[in-house]
Each structure stands twice: as C-alpha cells, then as structure tokens.
C-alpha cells in the first residue's frame, strides 16, 4: 500500500474531526507528504474518540494549538502517520 486513500475516508475523517475542531479549513498530511484538503468542519465538540475507530491501532503522537499528529496501523497492518492542522 503506497498511501492512505483520503477520498475513501474523507467522510469518516471529517465526521470525526467535527467533534474536536473549530470551524476551519482542515488538511491532512500523509507520511509521503501528500496533502489533501478535507471538508470544512462547522462545530466545536470535545470528544475525539471517533477518529481512533478509523484505524486498528491509533495514538496521538503530538498535539498543539493548531495541529495533531496521529500514528496508526490500519486493518492491513500498514503503518503510517497523519498530521491534521487547521487555520
């Protein structure tokens, strides 16, 4: 697998992000530095558990006021990293 297919996961990721990001433009940077702009999210909620359910093993590697870096293993044991950041 050469990368995560953002298009197939766009709805699920965007849904998860709605639970903890402000109204903003959200981007996803893959391990191979390919950048995909995700849908705009419109609410602020505190929970972020849903994003963990997207992958088999997930952990937040780093979090700042403007970004969160997530490492994961998907169902096929492909390891990777997603960095989400927002303006």
PDB file of N, CA and C in Angstrom:
ATOM      1  N   UNK A   1       0.858  -1.183   0.000  1.00  0.00           N
ATOM      2  CA  UNK A   1       0.000   0.000   0.000  1.00  0.00           C
ATOM      3  C   UNK A   1       0.896   1.236   0.000  1.00  0.00           C
ATOM      4  N   UNK A   2       0.674   2.129  -0.931  1.00  0.00           N
ATOM      5  CA  UNK A   2       1.569   3.277  -1.046  1.00  0.00           C
ATOM      6  C   UNK A   2       1.040   4.522  -0.355  1.00  0.00           C
ATOM      7  N   UNK A   3      -0.090   4.440   0.282  1.00  0.00           N
ATOM      8  CA  UNK A   3      -0.618   5.596   0.991  1.00  0.00           C
ATOM      9  C   UNK A   3      -2.064   5.371   1.376  1.00  0.00           C
ATOM     10  N   UNK A   4      -2.557   6.231   2.217  1.00  0.00           N
ATOM     11  CA  UNK A   4      -3.944   6.128   2.648  1.00  0.00           C
ATOM     12  C   UNK A   4      -4.833   6.817   1.626  1.00  0.00           C
ATOM     13  N   UNK A   5      -5.901   6.153   1.228  1.00  0.00           N
ATOM     14  CA  UNK A   5      -6.826   6.735   0.259  1.00  0.00           C
ATOM     15  C   UNK A   5      -7.742   7.715   0.977  1.00  0.00           C
ATOM     16  N   UNK A   6      -7.376   8.983   0.909  1.00  0.00           N
ATOM     17  CA  UNK A   6      -8.133  10.009   1.625  1.00  0.00           C
ATOM     18  C   UNK A   6      -9.570  10.081   1.126  1.00  0.00           C
ATOM     19  N   UNK A   7      -9.776   9.930  -0.184  1.00  0.00           N
ATOM     20  CA  UNK A   7     -11.133  10.072  -0.705  1.00  0.00           C
ATOM     21  C   UNK A   7     -12.079   9.053  -0.083  1.00  0.00           C
ATOM     22  N   UNK A   8     -11.612   7.824   0.087  1.00  0.00           N
ATOM     23  CA  UNK A   8     -12.497   6.804   0.642  1.00  0.00           C
ATOM     24  C   UNK A   8     -12.746   7.024   2.125  1.00  0.00           C
ATOM     25  N   UNK A   9     -11.870   7.782   2.778  1.00  0.00           N
ATOM     26  CA  UNK A   9     -12.005   8.010   4.214  1.00  0.00           C
ATOM     27  C   UNK A   9     -12.456   9.427   4.541  1.00  0.00           C
ATOM     28  N   UNK A  10     -12.688  10.238   3.526  1.00  0.00           N
ATOM     29  CA  UNK A  10     -12.964  11.663   3.747  1.00  0.00           C
ATOM     30  C   UNK A  10     -14.157  11.886   4.667  1.00  0.00           C
ATOM     31  N   UNK A  11     -15.251  11.175   4.417  1.00  0.00           N
ATOM     32  CA  UNK A  11     -16.457  11.388   5.216  1.00  0.00           C
ATOM     33  C   UNK A  11     -16.226  10.968   6.655  1.00  0.00           C
ATOM     34  N   UNK A  12     -15.604   9.816   6.850  1.00  0.00           N
ATOM     35  CA  UNK A  12     -15.370   9.328   8.208  1.00  0.00           C
ATOM     36  C   UNK A  12     -14.427  10.243   8.971  1.00  0.00           C
ATOM     37  N   UNK A  13     -13.366  10.674   8.318  1.00  0.00           N
ATOM     38  CA  UNK A  13     -12.412  11.558   8.986  1.00  0.00           C
ATOM     39  C   UNK A  13     -13.059  12.894   9.291  1.00  0.00           C
ATOM     40  N   UNK A  14     -13.782  13.440   8.340  1.00  0.00           N
ATOM     41  CA  UNK A  14     -14.429  14.728   8.558  1.00  0.00           C
ATOM     42  C   UNK A  14     -15.439  14.637   9.692  1.00  0.00           C
ATOM     43  N   UNK A  15     -16.194  13.540   9.733  1.00  0.00           N
ATOM     44  CA  UNK A  15     -17.157  13.351  10.814  1.00  0.00           C
ATOM     45  C   UNK A  15     -16.453  13.335  12.161  1.00  0.00           C
ATOM     46  N   UNK A  16     -15.342  12.631  12.244  1.00  0.00           N
ATOM     47  CA  UNK A  16     -14.596  12.574  13.491  1.00  0.00           C
ATOM     48  C   UNK A  16     -14.055  13.944  13.873  1.00  0.00           C
ATOM     49  N   UNK A  17     -13.572  14.672  12.894  1.00  0.00           N
ATOM     50  CA  UNK A  17     -12.990  15.983  13.179  1.00  0.00           C
ATOM     51  C   UNK A  17     -14.027  16.970  13.682  1.00  0.00           C
ATOM     52  N   UNK A  18     -15.274  16.789  13.292  1.00  0.00           N
ATOM     53  CA  UNK A  18     -16.317  17.705  13.744  1.00  0.00           C
ATOM     54  C   UNK A  18     -16.442  17.699  15.254  1.00  0.00           C
ATOM     55  N   UNK A  19     -15.940  16.665  15.881  1.00  0.00           N
ATOM     56  CA  UNK A  19     -16.083  16.550  17.324  1.00  0.00           C
ATOM     57  C   UNK A  19     -15.016  17.309  18.099  1.00  0.00           C
ATOM     58  N   UNK A  20     -13.965  17.783  17.445  1.00  0.00           N
ATOM     59  CA  UNK A  20     -12.971  18.497  18.226  1.00  0.00           C
ATOM     60  C   UNK A  20     -12.253  19.639  17.521  1.00  0.00           C
ATOM     61  N   UNK A  21     -12.683  20.030  16.352  1.00  0.00           N
ATOM     62  CA  UNK A  21     -12.034  21.147  15.678  1.00  0.00           C
ATOM     63  C   UNK A  21     -13.022  22.293  15.485  1.00  0.00           C
ATOM     64  N   UNK A  22     -12.502  23.489  15.524  1.00  0.00           N
ATOM     65  CA  UNK A  22     -13.333  24.666  15.291  1.00  0.00           C
ATOM     66  C   UNK A  22     -13.663  24.779  13.807  1.00  0.00           C
ATOM     67  N   UNK A  23     -14.572  25.680  13.486  1.00  0.00           N
ATOM     68  CA  UNK A  23     -14.880  25.956  12.087  1.00  0.00           C
ATOM     69  C   UNK A  23     -13.604  26.428  11.417  1.00  0.00           C
ATOM     70  N   UNK A  24     -13.182  25.696  10.405  1.00  0.00           N
ATOM     71  CA  UNK A  24     -11.850  25.926   9.875  1.00  0.00           C
ATOM     72  C   UNK A  24     -11.661  25.133   8.597  1.00  0.00           C
ATOM     73  N   UNK A  25     -10.580  25.405   7.910  1.00  0.00           N
ATOM     74  CA  UNK A  25     -10.167  24.536   6.819  1.00  0.00           C
ATOM     75  C   UNK A  25      -9.210  23.509   7.398  1.00  0.00           C
ATOM     76  N   UNK A  26      -9.522  22.251   7.204  1.00  0.00           N
ATOM     77  CA  UNK A  26      -8.722  21.182   7.787  1.00  0.00           C
ATOM     78  C   UNK A  26      -7.968  20.472   6.673  1.00  0.00           C
ATOM     79  N   UNK A  27      -6.720  20.179   6.943  1.00  0.00           N
ATOM     80  CA  UNK A  27      -5.896  19.493   5.960  1.00  0.00           C
ATOM     81  C   UNK A  27      -5.318  18.233   6.574  1.00  0.00           C
ATOM     82  N   UNK A  28      -4.947  17.323   5.736  1.00  0.00           N
ATOM     83  CA  UNK A  28      -4.348  16.088   6.200  1.00  0.00           C
ATOM     84  C   UNK A  28      -3.040  15.887   5.447  1.00  0.00           C
ATOM     85  N   UNK A  29      -1.946  15.726   6.177  1.00  0.00           N
ATOM     86  CA  UNK A  29      -0.661  15.473   5.541  1.00  0.00           C
ATOM     87  C   UNK A  29      -0.279  14.024   5.790  1.00  0.00           C
ATOM     88  N   UNK A  30      -0.080  13.281   4.719  1.00  0.00           N
ATOM     89  CA  UNK A  30       0.258  11.876   4.848  1.00  0.00           C
ATOM     90  C   UNK A  30       1.755  11.713   5.041  1.00  0.00           C
ATOM     91  N   UNK A  31       2.148  10.497   5.354  1.00  0.00           N
ATOM     92  CA  UNK A  31       3.546  10.189   5.584  1.00  0.00           C
ATOM     93  C   UNK A  31       4.407  10.554   4.377  1.00  0.00           C
ATOM     94  N   UNK A  32       3.848  10.410   3.174  1.00  0.00           N
ATOM     95  CA  UNK A  32       4.611  10.727   1.965  1.00  0.00           C
ATOM     96  C   UNK A  32       4.493  12.202   1.589  1.00  0.00           C
ATOM     97  N   UNK A  33       4.018  13.026   2.521  1.00  0.00           N
ATOM     98  CA  UNK A  33       3.902  14.477   2.348  1.00  0.00           C
ATOM     99  C   UNK A  33       2.869  14.896   1.319  1.00  0.00           C
ATOM    100  N   UNK A  34       2.035  13.967   0.903  1.00  0.00           N
ATOM    101  CA  UNK A  34       0.929  14.319   0.030  1.00  0.00           C
ATOM    102  C   UNK A  34      -0.116  15.016   0.897  1.00  0.00           C
ATOM    103  N   UNK A  35      -0.615  16.125   0.431  1.00  0.00           N
ATOM    104  CA  UNK A  35      -1.552  16.903   1.235  1.00  0.00           C
ATOM    105  C   UNK A  35      -2.926  16.865   0.580  1.00  0.00           C
ATOM    106  N   UNK A  36      -3.923  16.615   1.387  1.00  0.00           N
ATOM    107  CA  UNK A  36      -5.291  16.595   0.885  1.00  0.00           C
ATOM    108  C   UNK A  36      -6.132  17.512   1.755  1.00  0.00           C
ATOM    109  N   UNK A  37      -6.862  18.406   1.137  1.00  0.00           N
ATOM    110  CA  UNK A  37      -7.755  19.275   1.891  1.00  0.00           C
ATOM    111  C   UNK A  37      -9.045  18.518   2.171  1.00  0.00           C
ATOM    112  N   UNK A  38      -9.425  18.475   3.417  1.00  0.00           N
ATOM    113  CA  UNK A  38     -10.663  17.802   3.782  1.00  0.00           C
ATOM    114  C   UNK A  38     -11.803  18.811   3.802  1.00  0.00           C
ATOM    115  N   UNK A  39     -12.990  18.308   3.972  1.00  0.00           N
ATOM    116  CA  UNK A  39     -14.166  19.170   4.015  1.00  0.00           C
ATOM    117  C   UNK A  39     -14.102  20.127   5.193  1.00  0.00           C
ATOM    118  N   UNK A  40     -14.782  21.241   5.045  1.00  0.00           N
ATOM    119  CA  UNK A  40     -14.833  22.223   6.128  1.00  0.00           C
ATOM    120  C   UNK A  40     -15.647  21.650   7.283  1.00  0.00           C
ATOM    121  N   UNK A  41     -15.174  21.851   8.489  1.00  0.00           N
ATOM    122  CA  UNK A  41     -15.940  21.399   9.647  1.00  0.00           C
ATOM    123  C   UNK A  41     -16.545  22.602  10.338  1.00  0.00           C
ATOM    124  N   UNK A  42     -17.707  22.408  10.934  1.00  0.00           N
ATOM    125  CA  UNK A  42     -18.502  23.556  11.358  1.00  0.00           C
ATOM    126  C   UNK A  42     -18.850  23.629  12.836  1.00  0.00           C
ATOM    127  N   UNK A  43     -18.394  22.694  13.646  1.00  0.00           N
ATOM    128  CA  UNK A  43     -18.758  22.790  15.050  1.00  0.00           C
ATOM    129  C   UNK A  43     -17.594  22.465  15.961  1.00  0.00           C
ATOM    130  N   UNK A  44     -17.712  22.887  17.191  1.00  0.00           N
ATOM    131  CA  UNK A  44     -16.714  22.561  18.197  1.00  0.00           C
ATOM    132  C   UNK A  44     -17.353  21.595  19.186  1.00  0.00           C
ATOM    133  N   UNK A  45     -16.790  20.411  19.276  1.00  0.00           N
ATOM    134  CA  UNK A  45     -17.215  19.446  20.285  1.00  0.00           C
ATOM    135  C   UNK A  45     -15.946  18.900  20.930  1.00  0.00           C
ATOM    136  N   UNK A  46     -16.059  18.358  22.109  1.00  0.00           N
ATOM    137  CA  UNK A  46     -14.841  17.986  22.820  1.00  0.00           C
ATOM    138  C   UNK A  46     -14.347  16.572  22.552  1.00  0.00           C
ATOM    139  N   UNK A  47     -15.237  15.638  22.249  1.00  0.00           N
ATOM    140  CA  UNK A  47     -14.799  14.254  22.106  1.00  0.00           C
ATOM    141  C   UNK A  47     -14.046  14.031  20.808  1.00  0.00           C
ATOM    142  N   UNK A  48     -13.041  13.166  20.819  1.00  0.00           N
ATOM    143  CA  UNK A  48     -12.325  12.834  19.596  1.00  0.00           C
ATOM    144  C   UNK A  48     -12.144  11.329  19.439  1.00  0.00           C
ATOM    145  N   UNK A  49     -12.950  10.540  20.136  1.00  0.00           N
ATOM    146  CA  UNK A  49     -12.801   9.092  20.086  1.00  0.00           C
ATOM    147  C   UNK A  49     -13.043   8.514  18.691  1.00  0.00           C
ATOM    148  N   UNK A  50     -13.916   9.150  17.924  1.00  0.00           N
ATOM    149  CA  UNK A  50     -14.279   8.569  16.632  1.00  0.00           C
ATOM    150  C   UNK A  50     -13.087   8.419  15.709  1.00  0.00           C
ATOM    151  N   UNK A  51     -12.156   9.355  15.770  1.00  0.00           N
ATOM    152  CA  UNK A  51     -11.020   9.257  14.853  1.00  0.00           C
ATOM    153  C   UNK A  51     -10.188   8.024  15.164  1.00  0.00           C
ATOM    154  N   UNK A  52     -10.178   7.603  16.440  1.00  0.00           N
ATOM    155  CA  UNK A  52      -9.430   6.413  16.801  1.00  0.00           C
ATOM    156  C   UNK A  52     -10.058   5.161  16.203  1.00  0.00           C
ATOM    157  N   UNK A  53     -11.358   5.177  15.998  1.00  0.00           N
ATOM    158  CA  UNK A  53     -12.033   3.998  15.470  1.00  0.00           C
ATOM    159  C   UNK A  53     -11.780   3.801  13.979  1.00  0.00           C
ATOM    160  N   UNK A  54     -11.166   4.774  13.320  1.00  0.00           N
ATOM    161  CA  UNK A  54     -10.909   4.653  11.886  1.00  0.00           C
ATOM    162  C   UNK A  54      -9.795   3.651  11.601  1.00  0.00           C
ATOM    163  N   UNK A  55      -8.910   3.451  12.568  1.00  0.00           N
ATOM    164  CA  UNK A  55      -7.767   2.580  12.360  1.00  0.00           C
ATOM    165  C   UNK A  55      -7.684   1.587  13.510  1.00  0.00           C
ATOM    166  N   UNK A  56      -7.015   0.476  13.277  1.00  0.00           N
ATOM    167  CA  UNK A  56      -6.953  -0.595  14.272  1.00  0.00           C
ATOM    168  C   UNK A  56      -6.191  -0.173  15.520  1.00  0.00           C
ATOM    169  N   UNK A  57      -5.044   0.445  15.345  1.00  0.00           N
ATOM    170  CA  UNK A  57      -4.271   0.953  16.472  1.00  0.00           C
ATOM    171  C   UNK A  57      -3.921   2.399  16.168  1.00  0.00           C
ATOM    172  N   UNK A  58      -4.283   3.280  17.056  1.00  0.00           N
ATOM    173  CA  UNK A  58      -4.074   4.699  16.800  1.00  0.00           C
ATOM    174  C   UNK A  58      -3.608   5.375  18.068  1.00  0.00           C
ATOM    175  N   UNK A  59      -2.683   6.297  17.936  1.00  0.00           N
ATOM    176  CA  UNK A  59      -2.336   7.107  19.089  1.00  0.00           C
ATOM    177  C   UNK A  59      -1.955   8.504  18.637  1.00  0.00           C
ATOM    178  N   UNK A  60      -2.233   9.456  19.488  1.00  0.00           N
ATOM    179  CA  UNK A  60      -1.846  10.829  19.198  1.00  0.00           C
ATOM    180  C   UNK A  60      -0.377  10.967  19.552  1.00  0.00           C
ATOM    181  N   UNK A  61       0.445  11.272  18.561  1.00  0.00           N
ATOM    182  CA  UNK A  61       1.878  11.392  18.778  1.00  0.00           C
ATOM    183  C   UNK A  61       2.251  12.785  19.257  1.00  0.00           C
ATOM    184  N   UNK A  62       1.509  13.780  18.819  1.00  0.00           N
ATOM    185  CA  UNK A  62       1.795  15.158  19.216  1.00  0.00           C
ATOM    186  C   UNK A  62       0.562  16.000  18.983  1.00  0.00           C
ATOM    187  N   UNK A  63       0.355  17.000  19.821  1.00  0.00           N
ATOM    188  CA  UNK A  63      -0.786  17.883  19.646  1.00  0.00           C
ATOM    189  C   UNK A  63      -0.385  19.297  20.042  1.00  0.00           C
ATOM    190  N   UNK A  64      -0.739  20.253  19.212  1.00  0.00           N
ATOM    191  CA  UNK A  64      -0.503  21.659  19.528  1.00  0.00           C
ATOM    192  C   UNK A  64      -1.820  22.397  19.373  1.00  0.00           C
ATOM    193  N   UNK A  65      -1.780  23.706  19.513  1.00  0.00           N
ATOM    194  CA  UNK A  65      -2.997  24.505  19.352  1.00  0.00           C
ATOM    195  C   UNK A  65      -3.527  24.433  17.929  1.00  0.00           C
ATOM    196  N   UNK A  66      -2.663  24.092  16.984  1.00  0.00           N
ATOM    197  CA  UNK A  66      -3.080  24.131  15.584  1.00  0.00           C
ATOM    198  C   UNK A  66      -2.905  22.816  14.840  1.00  0.00           C
ATOM    199  N   UNK A  67      -2.457  21.784  15.520  1.00  0.00           N
ATOM    200  CA  UNK A  67      -2.263  20.537  14.785  1.00  0.00           C
ATOM    201  C   UNK A  67      -2.336  19.336  15.714  1.00  0.00           C
ATOM    202  N   UNK A  68      -2.567  18.203  15.108  1.00  0.00           N
ATOM    203  CA  UNK A  68      -2.496  16.933  15.841  1.00  0.00           C
ATOM    204  C   UNK A  68      -1.837  15.920  14.914  1.00  0.00           C
ATOM    205  N   UNK A  69      -0.848  15.226  15.432  1.00  0.00           N
ATOM    206  CA  UNK A  69      -0.166  14.201  14.644  1.00  0.00           C
ATOM    207  C   UNK A  69      -0.593  12.847  15.194  1.00  0.00           C
ATOM    208  N   UNK A  70      -1.056  11.998  14.310  1.00  0.00           N
ATOM    209  CA  UNK A  70      -1.605  10.706  14.704  1.00  0.00           C
ATOM    210  C   UNK A  70      -0.809   9.609  14.010  1.00  0.00           C
ATOM    211  N   UNK A  71      -0.375   8.621  14.766  1.00  0.00           N
ATOM    212  CA  UNK A  71       0.249   7.454  14.156  1.00  0.00           C
ATOM    213  C   UNK A  71      -0.765   6.319  14.202  1.00  0.00           C
ATOM    214  N   UNK A  72      -0.707   5.428  13.228  1.00  0.00           N
ATOM    215  CA  UNK A  72      -1.728   4.392  13.159  1.00  0.00           C
ATOM    216  C   UNK A  72      -1.245   3.145  12.447  1.00  0.00           C
ATOM    217  N   UNK A  73      -1.971   2.064  12.686  1.00  0.00           N
ATOM    218  CA  UNK A  73      -1.895   0.864  11.868  1.00  0.00           C
ATOM    219  C   UNK A  73      -3.298   0.649  11.336  1.00  0.00           C
ATOM    220  N   UNK A  74      -3.417   0.430  10.051  1.00  0.00           N
ATOM    221  CA  UNK A  74      -4.751   0.183   9.522  1.00  0.00           C
ATOM    222  C   UNK A  74      -5.056  -1.315   9.582  1.00  0.00           C
ATOM    223  N   UNK A  75      -6.189  -1.705   9.034  1.00  0.00           N
ATOM    224  CA  UNK A  75      -6.626  -3.096   9.117  1.00  0.00           C
ATOM    225  C   UNK A  75      -5.673  -4.051   8.402  1.00  0.00           C
ATOM    226  N   UNK A  76      -4.861  -3.530   7.489  1.00  0.00           N
ATOM    227  CA  UNK A  76      -3.916  -4.364   6.745  1.00  0.00           C
ATOM    228  C   UNK A  76      -2.517  -4.293   7.339  1.00  0.00           C
ATOM    229  N   UNK A  77      -2.416  -3.773   8.565  1.00  0.00           N
ATOM    230  CA  UNK A  77      -1.133  -3.626   9.251  1.00  0.00           C
ATOM    231  C   UNK A  77      -0.191  -2.653   8.556  1.00  0.00           C
ATOM    232  N   UNK A  78      -0.730  -1.774   7.744  1.00  0.00           N
ATOM    233  CA  UNK A  78       0.095  -0.734   7.143  1.00  0.00           C
ATOM    234  C   UNK A  78       0.253   0.379   8.157  1.00  0.00           C
ATOM    235  N   UNK A  79       1.486   0.718   8.490  1.00  0.00           N
ATOM    236  CA  UNK A  79       1.734   1.751   9.491  1.00  0.00           C
ATOM    237  C   UNK A  79       1.903   3.097   8.803  1.00  0.00           C
ATOM    238  N   UNK A  80       1.447   4.125   9.417  1.00  0.00           N
ATOM    239  CA  UNK A  80       1.582   5.438   8.818  1.00  0.00           C
ATOM    240  C   UNK A  80       1.373   6.537   9.822  1.00  0.00           C
ATOM    241  N   UNK A  81       1.339   7.743   9.308  1.00  0.00           N
ATOM    242  CA  UNK A  81       1.198   8.925  10.145  1.00  0.00           C
ATOM    243  C   UNK A  81       0.286   9.900   9.427  1.00  0.00           C
ATOM    244  N   UNK A  82      -0.601  10.511  10.166  1.00  0.00           N
ATOM    245  CA  UNK A  82      -1.434  11.577   9.618  1.00  0.00           C
ATOM    246  C   UNK A  82      -1.186  12.811  10.461  1.00  0.00           C
ATOM    247  N   UNK A  83      -0.983  13.931   9.795  1.00  0.00           N
ATOM    248  CA  UNK A  83      -0.904  15.185  10.535  1.00  0.00           C
ATOM    249  C   UNK A  83      -2.061  16.063  10.085  1.00  0.00           C
ATOM    250  N   UNK A  84      -2.890  16.454  11.025  1.00  0.00           N
ATOM    251  CA  UNK A  84      -4.028  17.320  10.742  1.00  0.00           C
ATOM    252  C   UNK A  84      -3.709  18.688  11.296  1.00  0.00           C
ATOM    253  N   UNK A  85      -3.953  19.710  10.502  1.00  0.00           N
ATOM    254  CA  UNK A  85      -3.744  21.044  11.035  1.00  0.00           C
ATOM    255  C   UNK A  85      -4.829  21.966  10.536  1.00  0.00           C
ATOM    256  N   UNK A  86      -5.023  23.053  11.221  1.00  0.00           N
ATOM    257  CA  UNK A  86      -6.162  23.911  10.935  1.00  0.00           C
ATOM    258  C   UNK A  86      -5.783  25.347  11.164  1.00  0.00           C
ATOM    259  N   UNK A  87      -6.461  26.211  10.411  1.00  0.00           N
ATOM    260  CA  UNK A  87      -6.147  27.636  10.418  1.00  0.00           C
ATOM    261  C   UNK A  87      -7.085  28.372  11.344  1.00  0.00           C
TER     262      UNK A  87
END
